[in-house]
Amino acid sequence: MFQHMSFSYYRCDWIHPESEEPVIVYYEVDITGDVPRLIDVFADGRRQCMSVADVSGREHEMQRITSLVEGSFYDGIAGLADGMFFEEGQDRISMTRIAADRFEGEWQAHRLPTPDKLH
């Protein structure tokens, strides 16, 4: 069980020209800015839940993966005011802090069974 005290949770709304990119991304962020879990939500309603455990077990990597984003999440959102849209070209992005139970609700509802059970 995760201790929610050491994590923050964010919802990123991403308005962009139609593409295969997600329209909403939920992030779980630790105090160092690492992202151990995230949820991509696509325009057609599909969701993809990912965790560092999903990628760190792949092949024989030189170092243990601790984050699903490069660099610190907090550096990446510096200057984004909570809930305000930032525009870049045709993209509009907003970042909103959310409650832990909102993230967990999405995660529990859409997390697929472990890969060995899918085949």
PDB file of N, CA and C in Angstrom:
ATOM      1  N   MET A   1       0.845  -1.191   0.000  1.00  0.00           N
ATOM      2  CA  MET A   1       0.000   0.000   0.000  1.00  0.00           C
ATOM      3  C   MET A   1       0.885   1.248   0.000  1.00  0.00           C
ATOM      4  N   PHE A   2       0.560   2.171  -0.853  1.00  0.00           N
ATOM      5  CA  PHE A   2       1.322   3.418  -0.928  1.00  0.00           C
ATOM      6  C   PHE A   2       0.949   4.332   0.221  1.00  0.00           C
ATOM      7  N   GLN A   3       1.931   5.027   0.756  1.00  0.00           N
ATOM      8  CA  GLN A   3       1.653   6.051   1.753  1.00  0.00           C
ATOM      9  C   GLN A   3       1.488   7.352   1.001  1.00  0.00           C
ATOM     10  N   HIS A   4       0.260   7.858   0.976  1.00  0.00           N
ATOM     11  CA  HIS A   4      -0.063   9.022   0.162  1.00  0.00           C
ATOM     12  C   HIS A   4       0.622  10.294   0.643  1.00  0.00           C
ATOM     13  N   MET A   5       1.120  10.313   1.863  1.00  0.00           N
ATOM     14  CA  MET A   5       1.756  11.505   2.413  1.00  0.00           C
ATOM     15  C   MET A   5       2.953  11.948   1.579  1.00  0.00           C
ATOM     16  N   SER A   6       3.697  10.992   1.025  1.00  0.00           N
ATOM     17  CA  SER A   6       4.927  11.345   0.321  1.00  0.00           C
ATOM     18  C   SER A   6       4.706  11.575  -1.178  1.00  0.00           C
ATOM     19  N   PHE A   7       3.463  11.492  -1.631  1.00  0.00           N
ATOM     20  CA  PHE A   7       3.156  11.684  -3.044  1.00  0.00           C
ATOM     21  C   PHE A   7       2.195  12.849  -3.242  1.00  0.00           C
ATOM     22  N   SER A   8       2.316  13.481  -4.403  1.00  0.00           N
ATOM     23  CA  SER A   8       1.343  14.477  -4.840  1.00  0.00           C
ATOM     24  C   SER A   8       0.739  13.949  -6.128  1.00  0.00           C
ATOM     25  N   TYR A   9      -0.452  14.406  -6.441  1.00  0.00           N
ATOM     26  CA  TYR A   9      -1.167  13.908  -7.614  1.00  0.00           C
ATOM     27  C   TYR A   9      -1.629  15.083  -8.465  1.00  0.00           C
ATOM     28  N   TYR A  10      -1.509  14.908  -9.782  1.00  0.00           N
ATOM     29  CA  TYR A  10      -1.843  15.981 -10.716  1.00  0.00           C
ATOM     30  C   TYR A  10      -2.643  15.439 -11.885  1.00  0.00           C
ATOM     31  N   ARG A  11      -3.495  16.305 -12.412  1.00  0.00           N
ATOM     32  CA  ARG A  11      -4.220  16.024 -13.653  1.00  0.00           C
ATOM     33  C   ARG A  11      -3.778  17.065 -14.670  1.00  0.00           C
ATOM     34  N   CYS A  12      -3.315  16.579 -15.814  1.00  0.00           N
ATOM     35  CA  CYS A  12      -2.923  17.459 -16.909  1.00  0.00           C
ATOM     36  C   CYS A  12      -3.968  17.332 -18.007  1.00  0.00           C
ATOM     37  N   ASP A  13      -4.624  18.455 -18.342  1.00  0.00           N
ATOM     38  CA  ASP A  13      -5.538  18.481 -19.481  1.00  0.00           C
ATOM     39  C   ASP A  13      -4.759  19.015 -20.673  1.00  0.00           C
ATOM     40  N   TRP A  14      -4.792  18.277 -21.769  1.00  0.00           N
ATOM     41  CA  TRP A  14      -3.992  18.619 -22.941  1.00  0.00           C
ATOM     42  C   TRP A  14      -4.914  18.708 -24.150  1.00  0.00           C
ATOM     43  N   ILE A  15      -5.189  19.926 -24.574  1.00  0.00           N
ATOM     44  CA  ILE A  15      -6.017  20.158 -25.752  1.00  0.00           C
ATOM     45  C   ILE A  15      -5.066  20.346 -26.930  1.00  0.00           C
ATOM     46  N   HIS A  16      -5.230  19.516 -27.965  1.00  0.00           N
ATOM     47  CA  HIS A  16      -4.319  19.562 -29.106  1.00  0.00           C
ATOM     48  C   HIS A  16      -5.049  19.083 -30.349  1.00  0.00           C
ATOM     49  N   PRO A  17      -4.476  19.387 -31.526  1.00  0.00           N
ATOM     50  CA  PRO A  17      -5.091  18.866 -32.759  1.00  0.00           C
ATOM     51  C   PRO A  17      -5.199  17.344 -32.657  1.00  0.00           C
ATOM     52  N   GLU A  18      -6.202  16.793 -33.283  1.00  0.00           N
ATOM     53  CA  GLU A  18      -6.457  15.350 -33.182  1.00  0.00           C
ATOM     54  C   GLU A  18      -5.199  14.541 -33.464  1.00  0.00           C
ATOM     55  N   SER A  19      -4.905  13.652 -32.557  1.00  0.00           N
ATOM     56  CA  SER A  19      -3.721  12.804 -32.697  1.00  0.00           C
ATOM     57  C   SER A  19      -3.874  11.605 -31.783  1.00  0.00           C
ATOM     58  N   GLU A  20      -2.847  10.787 -31.751  1.00  0.00           N
ATOM     59  CA  GLU A  20      -2.857   9.616 -30.884  1.00  0.00           C
ATOM     60  C   GLU A  20      -2.376   9.944 -29.470  1.00  0.00           C
ATOM     61  N   GLU A  21      -2.040  11.194 -29.223  1.00  0.00           N
ATOM     62  CA  GLU A  21      -1.574  11.595 -27.897  1.00  0.00           C
ATOM     63  C   GLU A  21      -2.745  11.636 -26.919  1.00  0.00           C
ATOM     64  N   PRO A  22      -2.485  11.427 -25.625  1.00  0.00           N
ATOM     65  CA  PRO A  22      -3.570  11.488 -24.634  1.00  0.00           C
ATOM     66  C   PRO A  22      -4.124  12.908 -24.493  1.00  0.00           C
ATOM     67  N   VAL A  23      -5.373  13.003 -24.051  1.00  0.00           N
ATOM     68  CA  VAL A  23      -5.999  14.308 -23.805  1.00  0.00           C
ATOM     69  C   VAL A  23      -5.967  14.667 -22.323  1.00  0.00           C
ATOM     70  N   ILE A  24      -5.798  13.654 -21.470  1.00  0.00           N
ATOM     71  CA  ILE A  24      -5.649  13.857 -20.022  1.00  0.00           C
ATOM     72  C   ILE A  24      -4.547  12.909 -19.551  1.00  0.00           C
ATOM     73  N   VAL A  25      -3.696  13.395 -18.661  1.00  0.00           N
ATOM     74  CA  VAL A  25      -2.689  12.534 -18.039  1.00  0.00           C
ATOM     75  C   VAL A  25      -2.758  12.762 -16.532  1.00  0.00           C
ATOM     76  N   TYR A  26      -2.905  11.676 -15.785  1.00  0.00           N
ATOM     77  CA  TYR A  26      -2.858  11.740 -14.324  1.00  0.00           C
ATOM     78  C   TYR A  26      -1.458  11.318 -13.885  1.00  0.00           C
ATOM     79  N   TYR A  27      -0.870  12.068 -12.970  1.00  0.00           N
ATOM     80  CA  TYR A  27       0.485  11.779 -12.496  1.00  0.00           C
ATOM     81  C   TYR A  27       0.505  11.541 -10.993  1.00  0.00           C
ATOM     82  N   GLU A  28       1.291  10.553 -10.566  1.00  0.00           N
ATOM     83  CA  GLU A  28       1.648  10.375  -9.162  1.00  0.00           C
ATOM     84  C   GLU A  28       3.105  10.823  -9.064  1.00  0.00           C
ATOM     85  N   VAL A  29       3.384  11.789  -8.189  1.00  0.00           N
ATOM     86  CA  VAL A  29       4.715  12.396  -8.126  1.00  0.00           C
ATOM     87  C   VAL A  29       5.238  12.321  -6.699  1.00  0.00           C
ATOM     88  N   ASP A  30       6.502  11.849  -6.553  1.00  0.00           N
ATOM     89  CA  ASP A  30       7.083  11.812  -5.210  1.00  0.00           C
ATOM     90  C   ASP A  30       7.781  13.139  -4.901  1.00  0.00           C
ATOM     91  N   ILE A  31       8.322  13.247  -3.706  1.00  0.00           N
ATOM     92  CA  ILE A  31       8.882  14.529  -3.263  1.00  0.00           C
ATOM     93  C   ILE A  31      10.103  14.951  -4.068  1.00  0.00           C
ATOM     94  N   THR A  32      10.764  14.006  -4.749  1.00  0.00           N
ATOM     95  CA  THR A  32      11.943  14.359  -5.550  1.00  0.00           C
ATOM     96  C   THR A  32      11.585  14.739  -6.983  1.00  0.00           C
ATOM     97  N   GLY A  33      10.306  14.580  -7.350  1.00  0.00           N
ATOM     98  CA  GLY A  33       9.875  14.895  -8.713  1.00  0.00           C
ATOM     99  C   GLY A  33       9.825  13.697  -9.635  1.00  0.00           C
ATOM    100  N   ASP A  34      10.089  12.494  -9.090  1.00  0.00           N
ATOM    101  CA  ASP A  34       9.942  11.270  -9.881  1.00  0.00           C
ATOM    102  C   ASP A  34       8.462  10.922 -10.026  1.00  0.00           C
ATOM    103  N   VAL A  35       8.109  10.268 -11.131  1.00  0.00           N
ATOM    104  CA  VAL A  35       6.730   9.856 -11.403  1.00  0.00           C
ATOM    105  C   VAL A  35       6.687   8.328 -11.460  1.00  0.00           C
ATOM    106  N   PRO A  36       6.306   7.672 -10.343  1.00  0.00           N
ATOM    107  CA  PRO A  36       6.274   6.207 -10.340  1.00  0.00           C
ATOM    108  C   PRO A  36       5.068   5.610 -11.070  1.00  0.00           C
ATOM    109  N   ARG A  37       3.969   6.371 -11.163  1.00  0.00           N
ATOM    110  CA  ARG A  37       2.780   5.880 -11.879  1.00  0.00           C
ATOM    111  C   ARG A  37       2.138   7.037 -12.642  1.00  0.00           C
ATOM    112  N   LEU A  38       1.552   6.699 -13.804  1.00  0.00           N
ATOM    113  CA  LEU A  38       0.745   7.689 -14.524  1.00  0.00           C
ATOM    114  C   LEU A  38      -0.354   6.982 -15.289  1.00  0.00           C
ATOM    115  N   ILE A  39      -1.368   7.747 -15.661  1.00  0.00           N
ATOM    116  CA  ILE A  39      -2.514   7.227 -16.410  1.00  0.00           C
ATOM    117  C   ILE A  39      -2.737   8.147 -17.598  1.00  0.00           C
ATOM    118  N   ASP A  40      -2.691   7.597 -18.806  1.00  0.00           N
ATOM    119  CA  ASP A  40      -3.027   8.344 -20.013  1.00  0.00           C
ATOM    120  C   ASP A  40      -4.487   8.097 -20.348  1.00  0.00           C
ATOM    121  N   VAL A  41      -5.223   9.166 -20.663  1.00  0.00           N
ATOM    122  CA  VAL A  41      -6.619   9.059 -21.084  1.00  0.00           C
ATOM    123  C   VAL A  41      -6.696   9.602 -22.508  1.00  0.00           C
ATOM    124  N   PHE A  42      -7.220   8.809 -23.424  1.00  0.00           N
ATOM    125  CA  PHE A  42      -7.279   9.187 -24.831  1.00  0.00           C
ATOM    126  C   PHE A  42      -8.668   9.706 -25.205  1.00  0.00           C
ATOM    127  N   ALA A  43      -8.746  10.395 -26.330  1.00  0.00           N
ATOM    128  CA  ALA A  43      -9.990  11.031 -26.755  1.00  0.00           C
ATOM    129  C   ALA A  43     -11.136  10.036 -26.896  1.00  0.00           C
ATOM    130  N   ASP A  44     -10.826   8.784 -27.254  1.00  0.00           N
ATOM    131  CA  ASP A  44     -11.883   7.781 -27.422  1.00  0.00           C
ATOM    132  C   ASP A  44     -12.267   7.102 -26.109  1.00  0.00           C
ATOM    133  N   GLY A  45     -11.681   7.583 -24.991  1.00  0.00           N
ATOM    134  CA  GLY A  45     -12.031   7.034 -23.679  1.00  0.00           C
ATOM    135  C   GLY A  45     -11.099   5.947 -23.173  1.00  0.00           C
ATOM    136  N   ARG A  46     -10.212   5.435 -24.052  1.00  0.00           N
ATOM    137  CA  ARG A  46      -9.253   4.422 -23.603  1.00  0.00           C
ATOM    138  C   ARG A  46      -8.346   5.015 -22.536  1.00  0.00           C
ATOM    139  N   ARG A  47      -7.901   4.168 -21.620  1.00  0.00           N
ATOM    140  CA  ARG A  47      -6.948   4.577 -20.597  1.00  0.00           C
ATOM    141  C   ARG A  47      -5.792   3.599 -20.576  1.00  0.00           C
ATOM    142  N   GLN A  48      -4.603   4.136 -20.331  1.00  0.00           N
ATOM    143  CA  GLN A  48      -3.416   3.293 -20.218  1.00  0.00           C
ATOM    144  C   GLN A  48      -2.742   3.635 -18.901  1.00  0.00           C
ATOM    145  N   CYS A  49      -2.677   2.665 -18.006  1.00  0.00           N
ATOM    146  CA  CYS A  49      -2.043   2.845 -16.701  1.00  0.00           C
ATOM    147  C   CYS A  49      -0.625   2.286 -16.773  1.00  0.00           C
ATOM    148  N   MET A  50       0.349   3.081 -16.366  1.00  0.00           N
ATOM    149  CA  MET A  50       1.741   2.644 -16.406  1.00  0.00           C
ATOM    150  C   MET A  50       2.405   2.893 -15.064  1.00  0.00           C
ATOM    151  N   SER A  51       3.311   2.001 -14.697  1.00  0.00           N
ATOM    152  CA  SER A  51       4.093   2.185 -13.479  1.00  0.00           C
ATOM    153  C   SER A  51       5.554   1.871 -13.778  1.00  0.00           C
ATOM    154  N   VAL A  52       6.449   2.367 -12.938  1.00  0.00           N
ATOM    155  CA  VAL A  52       7.871   2.074 -13.144  1.00  0.00           C
ATOM    156  C   VAL A  52       8.121   0.570 -13.061  1.00  0.00           C
ATOM    157  N   ALA A  53       7.308  -0.144 -12.314  1.00  0.00           N
ATOM    158  CA  ALA A  53       7.456  -1.601 -12.219  1.00  0.00           C
ATOM    159  C   ALA A  53       7.219  -2.257 -13.575  1.00  0.00           C
ATOM    160  N   ASP A  54       6.364  -1.646 -14.409  1.00  0.00           N
ATOM    161  CA  ASP A  54       6.093  -2.190 -15.740  1.00  0.00           C
ATOM    162  C   ASP A  54       7.325  -2.120 -16.635  1.00  0.00           C
ATOM    163  N   VAL A  55       8.084  -1.036 -16.525  1.00  0.00           N
ATOM    164  CA  VAL A  55       9.226  -0.849 -17.422  1.00  0.00           C
ATOM    165  C   VAL A  55      10.546  -1.303 -16.822  1.00  0.00           C
ATOM    166  N   SER A  56      10.665  -1.295 -15.505  1.00  0.00           N
ATOM    167  CA  SER A  56      11.956  -1.658 -14.904  1.00  0.00           C
ATOM    168  C   SER A  56      12.235  -3.151 -15.016  1.00  0.00           C
ATOM    169  N   GLY A  57      11.212  -3.942 -15.238  1.00  0.00           N
ATOM    170  CA  GLY A  57      11.418  -5.377 -15.376  1.00  0.00           C
ATOM    171  C   GLY A  57      11.794  -5.798 -16.778  1.00  0.00           C
ATOM    172  N   ARG A  58      11.749  -4.869 -17.730  1.00  0.00           N
ATOM    173  CA  ARG A  58      12.028  -5.198 -19.127  1.00  0.00           C
ATOM    174  C   ARG A  58      13.523  -5.319 -19.385  1.00  0.00           C
ATOM    175  N   GLU A  59      13.894  -6.400 -20.022  1.00  0.00           N
ATOM    176  CA  GLU A  59      15.268  -6.664 -20.426  1.00  0.00           C
ATOM    177  C   GLU A  59      16.238  -6.454 -19.260  1.00  0.00           C
ATOM    178  N   HIS A  60      17.482  -6.277 -19.553  1.00  0.00           N
ATOM    179  CA  HIS A  60      18.478  -6.087 -18.499  1.00  0.00           C
ATOM    180  C   HIS A  60      19.026  -4.676 -18.605  1.00  0.00           C
ATOM    181  N   GLU A  61      18.339  -3.750 -17.974  1.00  0.00           N
ATOM    182  CA  GLU A  61      18.753  -2.358 -18.073  1.00  0.00           C
ATOM    183  C   GLU A  61      19.872  -2.073 -17.087  1.00  0.00           C
ATOM    184  N   MET A  62      20.712  -1.122 -17.445  1.00  0.00           N
ATOM    185  CA  MET A  62      21.883  -0.797 -16.640  1.00  0.00           C
ATOM    186  C   MET A  62      21.504  -0.180 -15.300  1.00  0.00           C
ATOM    187  N   GLN A  63      20.447   0.612 -15.296  1.00  0.00           N
ATOM    188  CA  GLN A  63      20.056   1.254 -14.040  1.00  0.00           C
ATOM    189  C   GLN A  63      18.568   1.032 -13.793  1.00  0.00           C
ATOM    190  N   ARG A  64      18.210   1.071 -12.557  1.00  0.00           N
ATOM    191  CA  ARG A  64      16.821   0.889 -12.168  1.00  0.00           C
ATOM    192  C   ARG A  64      16.038   2.149 -12.521  1.00  0.00           C
ATOM    193  N   ILE A  65      14.902   1.985 -13.181  1.00  0.00           N
ATOM    194  CA  ILE A  65      14.079   3.131 -13.556  1.00  0.00           C
ATOM    195  C   ILE A  65      13.243   3.548 -12.352  1.00  0.00           C
ATOM    196  N   THR A  66      13.290   4.826 -12.025  1.00  0.00           N
ATOM    197  CA  THR A  66      12.534   5.322 -10.870  1.00  0.00           C
ATOM    198  C   THR A  66      11.447   6.296 -11.279  1.00  0.00           C
ATOM    199  N   SER A  67      11.407   6.684 -12.566  1.00  0.00           N
ATOM    200  CA  SER A  67      10.428   7.673 -12.995  1.00  0.00           C
ATOM    201  C   SER A  67      10.012   7.430 -14.439  1.00  0.00           C
ATOM    202  N   LEU A  68       8.750   7.738 -14.741  1.00  0.00           N
ATOM    203  CA  LEU A  68       8.229   7.600 -16.094  1.00  0.00           C
ATOM    204  C   LEU A  68       8.425   8.879 -16.914  1.00  0.00           C
ATOM    205  N   VAL A  69       8.957   9.917 -16.301  1.00  0.00           N
ATOM    206  CA  VAL A  69       9.268  11.150 -17.027  1.00  0.00           C
ATOM    207  C   VAL A  69      10.753  11.445 -16.875  1.00  0.00           C
ATOM    208  N   GLU A  70      11.293  12.154 -17.854  1.00  0.00           N
ATOM    209  CA  GLU A  70      12.708  12.506 -17.810  1.00  0.00           C
ATOM    210  C   GLU A  70      12.888  13.772 -16.990  1.00  0.00           C
ATOM    211  N   GLY A  71      13.854  13.776 -16.106  1.00  0.00           N
ATOM    212  CA  GLY A  71      14.074  14.942 -15.255  1.00  0.00           C
ATOM    213  C   GLY A  71      13.022  15.038 -14.166  1.00  0.00           C
ATOM    214  N   SER A  72      13.021  16.140 -13.448  1.00  0.00           N
ATOM    215  CA  SER A  72      12.062  16.326 -12.364  1.00  0.00           C
ATOM    216  C   SER A  72      10.731  16.827 -12.900  1.00  0.00           C
ATOM    217  N   PHE A  73       9.651  16.177 -12.494  1.00  0.00           N
ATOM    218  CA  PHE A  73       8.307  16.607 -12.860  1.00  0.00           C
ATOM    219  C   PHE A  73       8.094  18.063 -12.463  1.00  0.00           C
ATOM    220  N   TYR A  74       8.590  18.421 -11.285  1.00  0.00           N
ATOM    221  CA  TYR A  74       8.375  19.776 -10.776  1.00  0.00           C
ATOM    222  C   TYR A  74       9.074  20.828 -11.631  1.00  0.00           C
ATOM    223  N   ASP A  75      10.253  20.503 -12.166  1.00  0.00           N
ATOM    224  CA  ASP A  75      10.927  21.433 -13.081  1.00  0.00           C
ATOM    225  C   ASP A  75      10.088  21.625 -14.337  1.00  0.00           C
ATOM    226  N   GLY A  76       9.476  20.543 -14.796  1.00  0.00           N
ATOM    227  CA  GLY A  76       8.673  20.589 -16.017  1.00  0.00           C
ATOM    228  C   GLY A  76       7.417  21.422 -15.903  1.00  0.00           C
ATOM    229  N   ILE A  77       6.858  21.532 -14.699  1.00  0.00           N
ATOM    230  CA  ILE A  77       5.625  22.297 -14.543  1.00  0.00           C
ATOM    231  C   ILE A  77       5.865  23.664 -13.902  1.00  0.00           C
ATOM    232  N   ALA A  78       7.121  24.011 -13.692  1.00  0.00           N
ATOM    233  CA  ALA A  78       7.434  25.315 -13.104  1.00  0.00           C
ATOM    234  C   ALA A  78       6.800  26.401 -13.967  1.00  0.00           C
ATOM    235  N   GLY A  79       6.089  27.315 -13.335  1.00  0.00           N
ATOM    236  CA  GLY A  79       5.456  28.405 -14.067  1.00  0.00           C
ATOM    237  C   GLY A  79       4.032  28.118 -14.504  1.00  0.00           C
ATOM    238  N   LEU A  80       3.588  26.856 -14.378  1.00  0.00           N
ATOM    239  CA  LEU A  80       2.197  26.547 -14.704  1.00  0.00           C
ATOM    240  C   LEU A  80       1.342  26.788 -13.465  1.00  0.00           C
ATOM    241  N   ALA A  81       0.459  27.757 -13.534  1.00  0.00           N
ATOM    242  CA  ALA A  81      -0.423  28.043 -12.404  1.00  0.00           C
ATOM    243  C   ALA A  81      -1.509  26.973 -12.337  1.00  0.00           C
ATOM    244  N   ASP A  82      -1.876  26.582 -11.142  1.00  0.00           N
ATOM    245  CA  ASP A  82      -2.858  25.524 -10.924  1.00  0.00           C
ATOM    246  C   ASP A  82      -4.161  25.832 -11.667  1.00  0.00           C
ATOM    247  N   GLY A  83      -4.506  24.974 -12.626  1.00  0.00           N
ATOM    248  CA  GLY A  83      -5.765  25.095 -13.339  1.00  0.00           C
ATOM    249  C   GLY A  83      -5.780  26.096 -14.487  1.00  0.00           C
ATOM    250  N   MET A  84      -4.730  26.872 -14.662  1.00  0.00           N
ATOM    251  CA  MET A  84      -4.691  27.857 -15.748  1.00  0.00           C
ATOM    252  C   MET A  84      -4.102  27.205 -17.003  1.00  0.00           C
ATOM    253  N   PHE A  85      -4.656  27.576 -18.166  1.00  0.00           N
ATOM    254  CA  PHE A  85      -4.153  27.002 -19.417  1.00  0.00           C
ATOM    255  C   PHE A  85      -2.926  27.743 -19.916  1.00  0.00           C
ATOM    256  N   PHE A  86      -1.955  26.962 -20.376  1.00  0.00           N
ATOM    257  CA  PHE A  86      -0.743  27.470 -20.997  1.00  0.00           C
ATOM    258  C   PHE A  86      -0.850  27.116 -22.477  1.00  0.00           C
ATOM    259  N   GLU A  87      -0.641  28.087 -23.359  1.00  0.00           N
ATOM    260  CA  GLU A  87      -0.761  27.823 -24.789  1.00  0.00           C
ATOM    261  C   GLU A  87       0.600  27.790 -25.455  1.00  0.00           C
ATOM    262  N   GLU A  88       0.771  26.793 -26.311  1.00  0.00           N
ATOM    263  CA  GLU A  88       1.995  26.669 -27.091  1.00  0.00           C
ATOM    264  C   GLU A  88       1.600  26.153 -28.465  1.00  0.00           C
ATOM    265  N   GLY A  89       1.665  27.016 -29.473  1.00  0.00           N
ATOM    266  CA  GLY A  89       1.205  26.635 -30.803  1.00  0.00           C
ATOM    267  C   GLY A  89      -0.280  26.317 -30.753  1.00  0.00           C
ATOM    268  N   GLN A  90      -0.651  25.142 -31.251  1.00  0.00           N
ATOM    269  CA  GLN A  90      -2.053  24.725 -31.230  1.00  0.00           C
ATOM    270  C   GLN A  90      -2.408  23.956 -29.956  1.00  0.00           C
ATOM    271  N   ASP A  91      -1.441  23.736 -29.099  1.00  0.00           N
ATOM    272  CA  ASP A  91      -1.668  22.985 -27.868  1.00  0.00           C
ATOM    273  C   ASP A  91      -2.035  23.919 -26.720  1.00  0.00           C
ATOM    274  N   ARG A  92      -2.952  23.459 -25.875  1.00  0.00           N
ATOM    275  CA  ARG A  92      -3.273  24.155 -24.628  1.00  0.00           C
ATOM    276  C   ARG A  92      -3.151  23.133 -23.514  1.00  0.00           C
ATOM    277  N   ILE A  93      -2.418  23.480 -22.476  1.00  0.00           N
ATOM    278  CA  ILE A  93      -2.142  22.547 -21.379  1.00  0.00           C
ATOM    279  C   ILE A  93      -2.492  23.201 -20.055  1.00  0.00           C
ATOM    280  N   SER A  94      -3.161  22.449 -19.179  1.00  0.00           N
ATOM    281  CA  SER A  94      -3.358  22.912 -17.806  1.00  0.00           C
ATOM    282  C   SER A  94      -2.988  21.796 -16.857  1.00  0.00           C
ATOM    283  N   MET A  95      -2.487  22.165 -15.702  1.00  0.00           N
ATOM    284  CA  MET A  95      -2.065  21.207 -14.678  1.00  0.00           C
ATOM    285  C   MET A  95      -2.823  21.551 -13.403  1.00  0.00           C
ATOM    286  N   THR A  96      -3.509  20.578 -12.838  1.00  0.00           N
ATOM    287  CA  THR A  96      -4.295  20.787 -11.632  1.00  0.00           C
ATOM    288  C   THR A  96      -3.924  19.733 -10.602  1.00  0.00           C
ATOM    289  N   ARG A  97      -3.676  20.158  -9.390  1.00  0.00           N
ATOM    290  CA  ARG A  97      -3.402  19.195  -8.319  1.00  0.00           C
ATOM    291  C   ARG A  97      -4.712  18.537  -7.919  1.00  0.00           C
ATOM    292  N   ILE A  98      -4.679  17.226  -7.721  1.00  0.00           N
ATOM    293  CA  ILE A  98      -5.888  16.476  -7.365  1.00  0.00           C
ATOM    294  C   ILE A  98      -5.633  15.657  -6.107  1.00  0.00           C
ATOM    295  N   ALA A  99      -6.711  15.127  -5.544  1.00  0.00           N
ATOM    296  CA  ALA A  99      -6.611  14.302  -4.339  1.00  0.00           C
ATOM    297  C   ALA A  99      -6.117  12.905  -4.697  1.00  0.00           C
ATOM    298  N   ALA A 100      -5.425  12.277  -3.756  1.00  0.00           N
ATOM    299  CA  ALA A 100      -4.889  10.930  -3.953  1.00  0.00           C
ATOM    300  C   ALA A 100      -5.987   9.937  -4.310  1.00  0.00           C
ATOM    301  N   ASP A 101      -7.146  10.045  -3.677  1.00  0.00           N
ATOM    302  CA  ASP A 101      -8.204   9.061  -3.937  1.00  0.00           C
ATOM    303  C   ASP A 101      -8.768   9.191  -5.351  1.00  0.00           C
ATOM    304  N   ARG A 102      -8.669  10.371  -5.948  1.00  0.00           N
ATOM    305  CA  ARG A 102      -9.116  10.536  -7.332  1.00  0.00           C
ATOM    306  C   ARG A 102      -8.186   9.755  -8.272  1.00  0.00           C
ATOM    307  N   PHE A 103      -6.874   9.861  -8.041  1.00  0.00           N
ATOM    308  CA  PHE A 103      -5.903   9.097  -8.835  1.00  0.00           C
ATOM    309  C   PHE A 103      -6.140   7.601  -8.625  1.00  0.00           C
ATOM    310  N   GLU A 104      -6.239   7.186  -7.371  1.00  0.00           N
ATOM    311  CA  GLU A 104      -6.409   5.764  -7.057  1.00  0.00           C
ATOM    312  C   GLU A 104      -7.686   5.201  -7.671  1.00  0.00           C
ATOM    313  N   GLY A 105      -8.755   5.996  -7.692  1.00  0.00           N
ATOM    314  CA  GLY A 105     -10.013   5.554  -8.301  1.00  0.00           C
ATOM    315  C   GLY A 105      -9.829   5.260  -9.779  1.00  0.00           C
ATOM    316  N   GLU A 106      -9.149   6.166 -10.486  1.00  0.00           N
ATOM    317  CA  GLU A 106      -8.856   5.954 -11.907  1.00  0.00           C
ATOM    318  C   GLU A 106      -7.960   4.721 -12.089  1.00  0.00           C
ATOM    319  N   TRP A 107      -6.930   4.626 -11.257  1.00  0.00           N
ATOM    320  CA  TRP A 107      -5.971   3.516 -11.360  1.00  0.00           C
ATOM    321  C   TRP A 107      -6.673   2.176 -11.149  1.00  0.00           C
ATOM    322  N   GLN A 108      -7.438   2.060 -10.079  1.00  0.00           N
ATOM    323  CA  GLN A 108      -8.107   0.792  -9.761  1.00  0.00           C
ATOM    324  C   GLN A 108      -9.144   0.420 -10.817  1.00  0.00           C
ATOM    325  N   ALA A 109      -9.817   1.421 -11.386  1.00  0.00           N
ATOM    326  CA  ALA A 109     -10.873   1.153 -12.363  1.00  0.00           C
ATOM    327  C   ALA A 109     -10.323   0.732 -13.719  1.00  0.00           C
ATOM    328  N   HIS A 110      -9.104   1.139 -14.043  1.00  0.00           N
ATOM    329  CA  HIS A 110      -8.619   0.934 -15.405  1.00  0.00           C
ATOM    330  C   HIS A 110      -7.316   0.157 -15.519  1.00  0.00           C
ATOM    331  N   ARG A 111      -6.716  -0.210 -14.401  1.00  0.00           N
ATOM    332  CA  ARG A 111      -5.473  -0.978 -14.445  1.00  0.00           C
ATOM    333  C   ARG A 111      -5.772  -2.368 -14.966  1.00  0.00           C
ATOM    334  N   LEU A 112      -5.026  -2.782 -15.990  1.00  0.00           N
ATOM    335  CA  LEU A 112      -5.233  -4.121 -16.551  1.00  0.00           C
ATOM    336  C   LEU A 112      -4.567  -5.162 -15.654  1.00  0.00           C
ATOM    337  N   PRO A 113      -5.024  -6.414 -15.765  1.00  0.00           N
ATOM    338  CA  PRO A 113      -4.364  -7.489 -15.009  1.00  0.00           C
ATOM    339  C   PRO A 113      -2.892  -7.585 -15.422  1.00  0.00           C
ATOM    340  N   THR A 114      -2.108  -8.278 -14.643  1.00  0.00           N
ATOM    341  CA  THR A 114      -0.691  -8.435 -14.961  1.00  0.00           C
ATOM    342  C   THR A 114      -0.554  -9.083 -16.334  1.00  0.00           C
ATOM    343  N   PRO A 115       0.504  -8.743 -17.082  1.00  0.00           N
ATOM    344  CA  PRO A 115       0.661  -9.212 -18.466  1.00  0.00           C
ATOM    345  C   PRO A 115       0.539 -10.724 -18.650  1.00  0.00           C
ATOM    346  N   ASP A 116       0.988 -11.541 -17.703  1.00  0.00           N
ATOM    347  CA  ASP A 116       0.908 -12.990 -17.893  1.00  0.00           C
ATOM    348  C   ASP A 116      -0.524 -13.493 -17.912  1.00  0.00           C
ATOM    349  N   LYS A 117      -1.470 -12.694 -17.422  1.00  0.00           N
ATOM    350  CA  LYS A 117      -2.867 -13.102 -17.452  1.00  0.00           C
ATOM    351  C   LYS A 117      -3.579 -12.658 -18.722  1.00  0.00           C
ATOM    352  N   LEU A 118      -2.922 -11.855 -19.556  1.00  0.00           N
ATOM    353  CA  LEU A 118      -3.560 -11.339 -20.761  1.00  0.00           C
ATOM    354  C   LEU A 118      -3.517 -12.336 -21.906  1.00  0.00           C
ATOM    355  N   HIS A 119      -2.608 -13.292 -21.854  1.00  0.00           N
ATOM    356  CA  HIS A 119      -2.438 -14.210 -23.000  1.00  0.00           C
ATOM    357  C   HIS A 119      -3.244 -15.470 -22.843  1.00  0.00           C
TER     358      HIS A 119
END
